[in-house]
Amino acid sequence: MFRLIKLAMYAFVGYSLYQLYQGMMQQQQGGGAGAFSGGTSEGGSAASRGQNLTGAGAGRTVETLDNDGGSVRHSVGRGVIST
């Protein structure tokens, strides 16, 4: 029983390492659809931006509704600084 659990743990760790390796290789080759591709809307590739794996850190604008039916736009997400 414990051998089976141990084998399952080794398989899970091995698969995780394989997926990590595949993601890093896809990023080095300039693949745009991988999990590590990041947002490159500022121009340049992810490698030229100093290995910023998670993107630029800009928020997005969302429209919310008030009780009276009016709508207000808010910036939400990473990198949003309220002024």
Protein backbone atom coordinates (compact mmCIF):
# COMPACT_ATOMS: atom_id res chain seq x y z
CA MET A 1 0.00 0.00 0.00
CA PHE A 2 2.73 2.46 0.95
CA ARG A 3 4.74 1.55 -2.15
CA LEU A 4 1.78 2.54 -4.30
CA ILE A 5 1.44 5.89 -2.54
CA LYS A 6 5.18 6.46 -2.84
CA LEU A 7 5.05 5.62 -6.57
CA ALA A 8 2.14 8.04 -7.05
CA MET A 9 4.08 10.81 -5.29
CA TYR A 10 7.13 10.21 -7.49
CA ALA A 11 4.93 10.28 -10.59
CA PHE A 12 3.32 13.56 -9.52
CA VAL A 13 6.67 15.22 -8.76
CA GLY A 14 8.14 13.95 -12.01
CA TYR A 15 5.20 15.23 -14.05
CA SER A 16 5.39 18.62 -12.31
CA LEU A 17 9.09 18.93 -13.10
CA TYR A 18 8.43 17.90 -16.70
CA GLN A 19 5.76 20.58 -17.11
CA LEU A 20 8.08 23.19 -15.55
CA TYR A 21 10.83 22.22 -17.99
CA GLN A 22 8.44 22.35 -20.96
CA GLY A 23 7.26 25.82 -19.95
CA MET A 24 10.79 27.15 -19.64
CA MET A 25 11.79 25.68 -23.01
CA GLN A 26 8.72 27.19 -24.69
CA GLN A 27 9.55 30.59 -23.18
CA GLN A 28 13.15 30.44 -24.46
CA GLN A 29 11.92 29.62 -27.95
CA GLY A 30 9.51 32.56 -27.91
CA GLY A 31 6.27 30.62 -27.70
CA GLY A 32 3.33 32.97 -27.22
CA ALA A 33 0.68 30.61 -25.86
CA GLY A 34 2.51 29.14 -22.87
CA ALA A 35 1.85 29.74 -19.22
CA PHE A 36 5.09 31.68 -18.88
CA SER A 37 4.69 33.88 -21.95
CA GLY A 38 3.64 36.96 -20.01
CA GLY A 39 2.12 40.11 -21.45
CA THR A 40 4.35 41.58 -24.15
CA SER A 41 2.12 44.46 -25.20
CA GLU A 42 4.86 47.01 -24.44
CA GLY A 43 7.00 45.59 -27.20
CA GLY A 44 9.88 43.14 -27.08
CA SER A 45 9.97 39.61 -25.87
CA ALA A 46 9.84 38.35 -22.30
CA ALA A 47 13.58 37.64 -22.38
CA SER A 48 14.43 41.22 -23.31
CA ARG A 49 12.41 42.56 -20.39
CA GLY A 50 14.62 40.97 -17.74
CA GLN A 51 12.75 37.66 -17.28
CA ASN A 52 9.49 39.23 -16.11
CA LEU A 53 7.42 36.04 -16.14
CA THR A 54 4.09 37.42 -15.00
CA GLY A 55 3.57 40.41 -17.29
CA ALA A 56 3.61 44.14 -16.92
CA GLY A 57 1.52 44.44 -13.75
CA ALA A 58 -1.12 46.79 -15.16
CA GLY A 59 -4.70 46.59 -13.96
CA ARG A 60 -7.79 46.56 -16.13
CA THR A 61 -10.79 48.87 -16.19
CA VAL A 62 -14.09 47.41 -14.97
CA GLU A 63 -17.51 49.08 -15.01
CA THR A 64 -19.69 48.66 -11.91
CA LEU A 65 -23.36 49.55 -11.43
CA ASP A 66 -24.71 51.73 -8.61
CA ASN A 67 -28.08 51.21 -6.88
CA ASP A 68 -29.67 54.03 -8.88
CA GLY A 69 -28.68 52.50 -12.24
CA GLY A 70 -25.61 54.63 -12.90
CA SER A 71 -22.27 53.09 -13.77
CA VAL A 72 -18.77 53.90 -12.54
CA ARG A 73 -15.44 52.80 -14.01
CA HIS A 74 -12.75 51.45 -11.68
CA SER A 75 -9.21 50.20 -12.30
CA VAL A 76 -8.75 46.81 -10.66
CA GLY A 77 -6.01 44.20 -10.57
CA ARG A 78 -2.25 44.15 -10.13
CA GLY A 79 -0.30 47.39 -10.19
CA VAL A 80 -3.29 49.70 -9.64
CA ILE A 81 -2.44 52.79 -7.61
CA SER A 82 -5.36 54.85 -6.34
CA THR A 83 -4.97 58.61 -6.77
